[in-house]
Amino acid sequence: MAELLFNDVFKVKCVNPDGKKYDKVSRIEARSEKLSMYMLLDVNTEIYPIDEGEKILMVLSPTLNYDGAPVTSYSGQEGKKSLADKFEYIMHGKIYKLSDEGSGSDLKVEVYASFGGLQMLLKGDPIHCAKFRVDQNMFLLLRKL
């Protein structure tokens, strides 16, 4: 099984906290249940609608292959079992910024990623962000619970 970068259940607190800016995209604000992480995530809600109060499983993985092998192309993937089979919404992107906020016991790490222009901010305890690095490619996978 591929080693995951992050895995937790989030409860959507708000959809479009700063107002609706795009027709097909919504920004969700969510808090994770297990690790107390904060997330802002842009989602194409035309194809994957998300409502306030819903719970979603969110996984960040460096690959879709169960054996951990990197995804080198999308051709030839037909019929091959992968992590994608267990999720409803998948995006591929890259971490472009890591930063610290606060200090001492209040220190939080902010992870910024872009998925073809759709943005993610994941913020929380540094111990839960230790696997992330700038320019790291990854897949974001979502499934409603």
N, C-alpha and C. Protein backbone atom coordinates (compact mmCIF):
# COMPACT_ATOMS: atom_id res chain seq x y z
N MET A 1 0.85 -1.19 0.00
CA MET A 1 0.00 0.00 0.00
C MET A 1 0.89 1.25 0.00
N ALA A 2 0.53 2.20 -0.80
CA ALA A 2 1.28 3.46 -0.89
C ALA A 2 1.19 4.21 0.43
N GLU A 3 2.29 4.85 0.83
CA GLU A 3 2.29 5.65 2.04
C GLU A 3 1.60 6.97 1.76
N LEU A 4 0.60 7.29 2.57
CA LEU A 4 -0.17 8.51 2.37
C LEU A 4 0.53 9.69 3.04
N LEU A 5 0.37 10.86 2.46
CA LEU A 5 0.92 12.08 3.04
C LEU A 5 0.03 12.62 4.14
N PHE A 6 -1.28 12.41 3.97
CA PHE A 6 -2.26 12.94 4.93
C PHE A 6 -3.57 12.20 4.74
N ASN A 7 -4.32 12.03 5.84
CA ASN A 7 -5.56 11.27 5.78
C ASN A 7 -6.41 11.67 6.99
N ASP A 8 -7.58 12.27 6.76
CA ASP A 8 -8.46 12.62 7.87
C ASP A 8 -9.87 12.90 7.34
N VAL A 9 -10.83 12.90 8.25
CA VAL A 9 -12.22 13.23 7.95
C VAL A 9 -12.44 14.70 8.31
N PHE A 10 -13.01 15.45 7.39
CA PHE A 10 -13.29 16.87 7.59
C PHE A 10 -14.79 17.11 7.62
N LYS A 11 -15.21 18.03 8.48
CA LYS A 11 -16.59 18.50 8.47
C LYS A 11 -16.59 19.88 7.85
N VAL A 12 -17.42 20.07 6.82
CA VAL A 12 -17.51 21.35 6.12
C VAL A 12 -18.24 22.34 7.02
N LYS A 13 -17.53 23.41 7.40
CA LYS A 13 -18.09 24.44 8.27
C LYS A 13 -18.81 25.52 7.47
N CYS A 14 -18.28 25.83 6.29
CA CYS A 14 -18.84 26.92 5.50
C CYS A 14 -18.49 26.72 4.02
N VAL A 15 -19.41 27.08 3.15
CA VAL A 15 -19.16 27.08 1.71
C VAL A 15 -19.12 28.53 1.25
N ASN A 16 -18.06 28.90 0.55
CA ASN A 16 -17.84 30.27 0.07
C ASN A 16 -17.88 31.29 1.21
N PRO A 17 -16.93 31.17 2.18
CA PRO A 17 -16.94 32.10 3.31
C PRO A 17 -16.77 33.57 2.92
N ASP A 18 -16.15 33.83 1.78
CA ASP A 18 -15.97 35.22 1.31
C ASP A 18 -16.92 35.56 0.17
N GLY A 19 -17.96 34.77 0.01
CA GLY A 19 -18.92 35.00 -1.07
C GLY A 19 -18.55 34.20 -2.31
N LYS A 20 -19.54 33.94 -3.14
CA LYS A 20 -19.36 33.16 -4.38
C LYS A 20 -18.67 34.03 -5.42
N LYS A 21 -17.52 33.55 -5.92
CA LYS A 21 -16.76 34.33 -6.90
C LYS A 21 -16.79 33.73 -8.29
N TYR A 22 -17.00 32.42 -8.38
CA TYR A 22 -16.97 31.72 -9.67
C TYR A 22 -18.22 30.87 -9.82
N ASP A 23 -18.67 30.68 -11.06
CA ASP A 23 -19.88 29.90 -11.31
C ASP A 23 -19.73 28.43 -10.96
N LYS A 24 -18.59 27.84 -11.31
CA LYS A 24 -18.43 26.40 -11.21
C LYS A 24 -17.55 25.95 -10.05
N VAL A 25 -17.01 26.89 -9.29
CA VAL A 25 -16.08 26.57 -8.20
C VAL A 25 -16.57 27.18 -6.90
N SER A 26 -16.48 26.40 -5.83
CA SER A 26 -16.78 26.91 -4.49
C SER A 26 -15.58 26.66 -3.60
N ARG A 27 -15.40 27.54 -2.63
CA ARG A 27 -14.34 27.38 -1.64
C ARG A 27 -14.99 26.86 -0.37
N ILE A 28 -14.49 25.72 0.10
CA ILE A 28 -15.04 25.17 1.34
C ILE A 28 -14.06 25.42 2.48
N GLU A 29 -14.62 25.69 3.64
CA GLU A 29 -13.85 25.83 4.86
C GLU A 29 -14.23 24.65 5.74
N ALA A 30 -13.23 23.90 6.21
CA ALA A 30 -13.53 22.67 6.94
C ALA A 30 -12.51 22.46 8.06
N ARG A 31 -12.91 21.66 9.04
CA ARG A 31 -12.05 21.31 10.18
C ARG A 31 -12.01 19.79 10.28
N SER A 32 -10.79 19.25 10.47
CA SER A 32 -10.67 17.80 10.55
C SER A 32 -11.04 17.31 11.94
N GLU A 33 -11.55 16.09 12.00
CA GLU A 33 -12.05 15.54 13.26
C GLU A 33 -10.94 14.96 14.12
N LYS A 34 -10.01 14.26 13.51
CA LYS A 34 -9.00 13.53 14.27
C LYS A 34 -7.79 14.40 14.61
N LEU A 35 -7.29 15.15 13.64
CA LEU A 35 -6.03 15.87 13.80
C LEU A 35 -6.20 17.37 14.03
N SER A 36 -7.43 17.86 14.10
CA SER A 36 -7.73 19.28 14.32
C SER A 36 -7.03 20.19 13.31
N MET A 37 -7.04 19.80 12.05
CA MET A 37 -6.47 20.61 10.97
C MET A 37 -7.56 21.50 10.38
N TYR A 38 -7.15 22.66 9.89
CA TYR A 38 -8.04 23.60 9.23
C TYR A 38 -7.76 23.52 7.73
N MET A 39 -8.81 23.55 6.91
CA MET A 39 -8.61 23.48 5.46
C MET A 39 -9.52 24.47 4.74
N LEU A 40 -8.94 25.17 3.77
CA LEU A 40 -9.69 25.91 2.76
C LEU A 40 -9.39 25.19 1.45
N LEU A 41 -10.43 24.84 0.70
CA LEU A 41 -10.22 24.06 -0.52
C LEU A 41 -11.19 24.52 -1.60
N ASP A 42 -10.66 24.79 -2.79
CA ASP A 42 -11.48 25.10 -3.96
C ASP A 42 -11.90 23.79 -4.62
N VAL A 43 -13.20 23.65 -4.88
CA VAL A 43 -13.75 22.43 -5.46
C VAL A 43 -14.63 22.80 -6.65
N ASN A 44 -14.51 22.05 -7.73
CA ASN A 44 -15.41 22.24 -8.88
C ASN A 44 -16.77 21.67 -8.49
N THR A 45 -17.64 22.53 -7.97
CA THR A 45 -18.93 22.07 -7.45
C THR A 45 -19.95 21.82 -8.55
N GLU A 46 -19.61 22.12 -9.79
CA GLU A 46 -20.49 21.73 -10.89
C GLU A 46 -20.47 20.21 -11.04
N ILE A 47 -19.32 19.60 -10.81
CA ILE A 47 -19.24 18.14 -10.93
C ILE A 47 -19.22 17.43 -9.58
N TYR A 48 -18.91 18.15 -8.50
CA TYR A 48 -18.87 17.56 -7.16
C TYR A 48 -19.40 18.55 -6.13
N PRO A 49 -20.74 18.66 -6.04
CA PRO A 49 -21.33 19.61 -5.10
C PRO A 49 -21.06 19.20 -3.64
N ILE A 50 -20.73 20.19 -2.82
CA ILE A 50 -20.49 19.97 -1.40
C ILE A 50 -21.29 21.01 -0.63
N ASP A 51 -21.96 20.55 0.44
CA ASP A 51 -22.79 21.44 1.24
C ASP A 51 -22.25 21.57 2.66
N GLU A 52 -22.59 22.67 3.29
CA GLU A 52 -22.23 22.91 4.68
C GLU A 52 -22.75 21.77 5.54
N GLY A 53 -21.93 21.32 6.48
CA GLY A 53 -22.33 20.25 7.40
C GLY A 53 -21.95 18.85 6.94
N GLU A 54 -21.60 18.70 5.66
CA GLU A 54 -21.21 17.37 5.16
C GLU A 54 -19.86 16.96 5.71
N LYS A 55 -19.66 15.66 5.81
CA LYS A 55 -18.37 15.11 6.21
C LYS A 55 -17.74 14.48 4.98
N ILE A 56 -16.43 14.76 4.82
CA ILE A 56 -15.71 14.21 3.68
C ILE A 56 -14.39 13.61 4.16
N LEU A 57 -14.04 12.48 3.59
CA LEU A 57 -12.73 11.90 3.80
C LEU A 57 -11.79 12.54 2.80
N MET A 58 -10.68 13.09 3.28
CA MET A 58 -9.70 13.72 2.40
C MET A 58 -8.36 13.02 2.59
N VAL A 59 -7.79 12.58 1.46
CA VAL A 59 -6.49 11.91 1.46
C VAL A 59 -5.58 12.66 0.51
N LEU A 60 -4.32 12.85 0.92
CA LEU A 60 -3.28 13.38 0.06
C LEU A 60 -2.26 12.26 -0.12
N SER A 61 -1.98 11.92 -1.38
CA SER A 61 -1.09 10.80 -1.68
C SER A 61 -0.14 11.18 -2.81
N PRO A 62 1.10 10.69 -2.75
CA PRO A 62 2.04 10.97 -3.84
C PRO A 62 1.74 10.18 -5.11
N THR A 63 0.91 9.16 -5.00
CA THR A 63 0.58 8.30 -6.14
C THR A 63 -0.82 7.72 -5.99
N LEU A 64 -1.36 7.22 -7.08
CA LEU A 64 -2.63 6.50 -7.03
C LEU A 64 -2.43 4.99 -6.99
N ASN A 65 -1.21 4.55 -7.24
CA ASN A 65 -0.91 3.12 -7.30
C ASN A 65 -0.79 2.52 -5.90
N TYR A 66 -1.44 1.38 -5.69
CA TYR A 66 -1.39 0.72 -4.38
C TYR A 66 0.03 0.31 -3.99
N ASP A 67 0.85 -0.03 -4.97
CA ASP A 67 2.21 -0.49 -4.67
C ASP A 67 3.18 0.66 -4.41
N GLY A 68 2.70 1.89 -4.51
CA GLY A 68 3.54 3.05 -4.25
C GLY A 68 4.33 3.53 -5.46
N ALA A 69 4.22 2.82 -6.59
CA ALA A 69 4.94 3.23 -7.80
C ALA A 69 4.40 4.58 -8.28
N PRO A 70 5.27 5.45 -8.77
CA PRO A 70 4.80 6.75 -9.25
C PRO A 70 3.90 6.60 -10.47
N VAL A 71 2.97 7.54 -10.60
CA VAL A 71 2.10 7.60 -11.78
C VAL A 71 2.89 8.36 -12.84
N THR A 72 3.26 7.66 -13.91
CA THR A 72 4.08 8.30 -14.95
C THR A 72 3.24 8.78 -16.13
N SER A 73 2.07 8.18 -16.32
CA SER A 73 1.17 8.64 -17.37
C SER A 73 -0.23 8.10 -17.06
N TYR A 74 -1.19 8.65 -17.75
CA TYR A 74 -2.57 8.21 -17.53
C TYR A 74 -2.99 7.15 -18.53
N SER A 75 -2.21 6.97 -19.58
CA SER A 75 -2.54 5.92 -20.55
C SER A 75 -2.10 4.58 -19.98
N GLY A 76 -2.84 3.56 -20.28
CA GLY A 76 -2.53 2.23 -19.80
C GLY A 76 -3.02 1.97 -18.39
N GLN A 77 -3.80 2.89 -17.82
CA GLN A 77 -4.32 2.72 -16.46
C GLN A 77 -5.67 2.00 -16.43
N GLU A 78 -6.29 1.83 -17.61
CA GLU A 78 -7.60 1.20 -17.65
C GLU A 78 -7.53 -0.20 -17.09
N GLY A 79 -8.49 -0.53 -16.23
CA GLY A 79 -8.58 -1.86 -15.66
C GLY A 79 -7.63 -2.09 -14.49
N LYS A 80 -6.73 -1.20 -14.23
CA LYS A 80 -5.78 -1.34 -13.13
C LYS A 80 -6.39 -0.75 -11.87
N LYS A 81 -6.41 -1.52 -10.79
CA LYS A 81 -6.97 -1.03 -9.53
C LYS A 81 -6.04 0.02 -8.94
N SER A 82 -6.66 1.06 -8.35
CA SER A 82 -5.88 2.14 -7.76
C SER A 82 -6.67 2.80 -6.63
N LEU A 83 -6.03 3.71 -5.92
CA LEU A 83 -6.71 4.48 -4.88
C LEU A 83 -7.93 5.22 -5.43
N ALA A 84 -7.86 5.60 -6.68
CA ALA A 84 -8.95 6.36 -7.31
C ALA A 84 -10.28 5.59 -7.27
N ASP A 85 -10.22 4.28 -7.23
CA ASP A 85 -11.44 3.46 -7.21
C ASP A 85 -12.28 3.68 -5.96
N LYS A 86 -11.67 4.16 -4.89
CA LYS A 86 -12.36 4.31 -3.61
C LYS A 86 -12.82 5.74 -3.33
N PHE A 87 -12.60 6.64 -4.30
CA PHE A 87 -12.93 8.04 -4.08
C PHE A 87 -13.80 8.58 -5.21
N GLU A 88 -14.46 9.73 -4.93
CA GLU A 88 -15.41 10.31 -5.87
C GLU A 88 -14.86 11.53 -6.62
N TYR A 89 -13.86 12.19 -6.04
CA TYR A 89 -13.33 13.43 -6.62
C TYR A 89 -11.82 13.42 -6.42
N ILE A 90 -11.08 13.61 -7.52
CA ILE A 90 -9.62 13.51 -7.46
C ILE A 90 -9.01 14.68 -8.23
N MET A 91 -7.98 15.28 -7.64
CA MET A 91 -7.24 16.34 -8.31
C MET A 91 -5.74 16.05 -8.18
N HIS A 92 -4.97 16.47 -9.17
CA HIS A 92 -3.52 16.35 -9.12
C HIS A 92 -2.93 17.74 -9.03
N GLY A 93 -1.96 17.93 -8.13
CA GLY A 93 -1.39 19.25 -7.97
C GLY A 93 -0.02 19.22 -7.34
N LYS A 94 0.37 20.40 -6.86
CA LYS A 94 1.73 20.57 -6.34
C LYS A 94 1.72 21.54 -5.17
N ILE A 95 2.52 21.23 -4.16
CA ILE A 95 2.72 22.14 -3.04
C ILE A 95 3.64 23.26 -3.51
N TYR A 96 3.21 24.51 -3.32
CA TYR A 96 4.04 25.63 -3.76
C TYR A 96 4.56 26.48 -2.61
N LYS A 97 4.05 26.25 -1.40
CA LYS A 97 4.52 27.07 -0.28
C LYS A 97 4.25 26.36 1.04
N LEU A 98 5.23 26.42 1.93
CA LEU A 98 5.08 25.99 3.32
C LEU A 98 5.48 27.17 4.19
N SER A 99 4.70 27.47 5.21
CA SER A 99 5.07 28.57 6.09
C SER A 99 4.62 28.28 7.51
N ASP A 100 5.25 28.96 8.45
CA ASP A 100 4.92 28.83 9.87
C ASP A 100 4.11 30.03 10.31
N GLU A 101 3.20 29.79 11.24
CA GLU A 101 2.42 30.86 11.84
C GLU A 101 2.47 30.67 13.34
N GLY A 102 2.70 31.73 14.06
CA GLY A 102 2.78 31.65 15.52
C GLY A 102 4.16 31.20 15.97
N SER A 103 4.26 30.89 17.27
CA SER A 103 5.54 30.43 17.81
C SER A 103 5.28 29.57 19.05
N GLY A 104 6.32 28.84 19.46
CA GLY A 104 6.23 28.01 20.65
C GLY A 104 5.16 26.95 20.51
N SER A 105 4.36 26.81 21.56
CA SER A 105 3.30 25.78 21.54
C SER A 105 2.14 26.16 20.62
N ASP A 106 2.09 27.42 20.19
CA ASP A 106 1.04 27.87 19.27
C ASP A 106 1.48 27.80 17.81
N LEU A 107 2.64 27.21 17.52
CA LEU A 107 3.15 27.13 16.16
C LEU A 107 2.24 26.28 15.28
N LYS A 108 1.88 26.80 14.13
CA LYS A 108 1.09 26.09 13.13
C LYS A 108 1.83 26.14 11.80
N VAL A 109 1.72 25.08 11.03
CA VAL A 109 2.30 25.04 9.69
C VAL A 109 1.17 25.23 8.69
N GLU A 110 1.43 26.04 7.68
CA GLU A 110 0.48 26.24 6.59
C GLU A 110 1.04 25.61 5.33
N VAL A 111 0.25 24.74 4.72
CA VAL A 111 0.64 24.05 3.48
C VAL A 111 -0.25 24.60 2.38
N TYR A 112 0.37 25.18 1.34
CA TYR A 112 -0.36 25.75 0.21
C TYR A 112 -0.11 24.87 -1.01
N ALA A 113 -1.19 24.48 -1.69
CA ALA A 113 -1.06 23.66 -2.90
C ALA A 113 -2.00 24.20 -3.97
N SER A 114 -1.62 23.95 -5.21
CA SER A 114 -2.45 24.34 -6.35
C SER A 114 -2.74 23.11 -7.20
N PHE A 115 -3.99 22.97 -7.55
CA PHE A 115 -4.46 21.86 -8.38
C PHE A 115 -5.04 22.46 -9.66
N GLY A 116 -4.17 22.78 -10.59
CA GLY A 116 -4.60 23.40 -11.84
C GLY A 116 -5.33 24.71 -11.63
N GLY A 117 -4.92 25.46 -10.62
CA GLY A 117 -5.55 26.74 -10.33
C GLY A 117 -6.51 26.69 -9.16
N LEU A 118 -7.01 25.52 -8.82
CA LEU A 118 -7.83 25.38 -7.62
C LEU A 118 -6.88 25.25 -6.43
N GLN A 119 -7.11 26.06 -5.41
CA GLN A 119 -6.17 26.20 -4.31
C GLN A 119 -6.59 25.41 -3.08
N MET A 120 -5.58 25.03 -2.28
CA MET A 120 -5.81 24.40 -0.98
C MET A 120 -4.88 25.04 0.04
N LEU A 121 -5.42 25.32 1.21
CA LEU A 121 -4.64 25.69 2.38
C LEU A 121 -4.96 24.67 3.45
N LEU A 122 -3.94 24.01 3.96
CA LEU A 122 -4.08 23.05 5.05
C LEU A 122 -3.21 23.58 6.19
N LYS A 123 -3.81 23.75 7.36
CA LYS A 123 -3.11 24.42 8.46
C LYS A 123 -3.29 23.63 9.75
N GLY A 124 -2.16 23.42 10.45
CA GLY A 124 -2.27 22.71 11.72
C GLY A 124 -0.93 22.43 12.35
N ASP A 125 -0.93 21.50 13.28
CA ASP A 125 0.24 21.12 14.04
C ASP A 125 1.37 20.65 13.13
N PRO A 126 2.60 21.12 13.38
CA PRO A 126 3.73 20.73 12.52
C PRO A 126 3.95 19.22 12.41
N ILE A 127 3.61 18.48 13.44
CA ILE A 127 3.83 17.03 13.40
C ILE A 127 2.99 16.36 12.30
N HIS A 128 1.84 16.93 11.98
CA HIS A 128 0.97 16.36 10.94
C HIS A 128 1.36 16.82 9.54
N CYS A 129 2.31 17.74 9.46
CA CYS A 129 2.73 18.30 8.17
C CYS A 129 4.17 17.93 7.83
N ALA A 130 4.76 17.01 8.56
CA ALA A 130 6.18 16.67 8.40
C ALA A 130 6.50 16.03 7.05
N LYS A 131 5.52 15.41 6.40
CA LYS A 131 5.78 14.71 5.13
C LYS A 131 5.71 15.63 3.92
N PHE A 132 5.33 16.87 4.12
CA PHE A 132 5.17 17.80 3.00
C PHE A 132 6.45 18.55 2.69
N ARG A 133 6.68 18.83 1.39
CA ARG A 133 7.81 19.65 0.96
C ARG A 133 7.39 20.46 -0.26
N VAL A 134 8.03 21.60 -0.46
CA VAL A 134 7.73 22.47 -1.60
C VAL A 134 8.07 21.74 -2.89
N ASP A 135 7.28 21.96 -3.93
CA ASP A 135 7.40 21.34 -5.26
C ASP A 135 7.04 19.85 -5.26
N GLN A 136 6.41 19.38 -4.21
CA GLN A 136 5.99 17.98 -4.14
C GLN A 136 4.68 17.81 -4.91
N ASN A 137 4.67 16.86 -5.85
CA ASN A 137 3.44 16.51 -6.56
C ASN A 137 2.61 15.58 -5.71
N MET A 138 1.30 15.70 -5.82
CA MET A 138 0.42 14.83 -5.04
C MET A 138 -0.97 14.79 -5.64
N PHE A 139 -1.72 13.81 -5.19
CA PHE A 139 -3.12 13.68 -5.55
C PHE A 139 -3.96 13.99 -4.33
N LEU A 140 -5.03 14.74 -4.51
CA LEU A 140 -6.01 14.99 -3.48
C LEU A 140 -7.23 14.16 -3.84
N LEU A 141 -7.69 13.35 -2.89
CA LEU A 141 -8.82 12.46 -3.12
C LEU A 141 -9.90 12.74 -2.08
N LEU A 142 -11.15 12.88 -2.52
CA LEU A 142 -12.27 13.14 -1.62
C LEU A 142 -13.37 12.10 -1.79
N ARG A 143 -14.03 11.79 -0.67
CA ARG A 143 -15.21 10.94 -0.68
C ARG A 143 -16.14 11.40 0.43
N LYS A 144 -17.41 11.56 0.12
CA LYS A 144 -18.38 11.94 1.14
C LYS A 144 -18.70 10.74 2.03
N LEU A 145 -18.92 11.04 3.32
CA LEU A 145 -19.24 9.99 4.28
C LEU A 145 -20.69 10.07 4.70
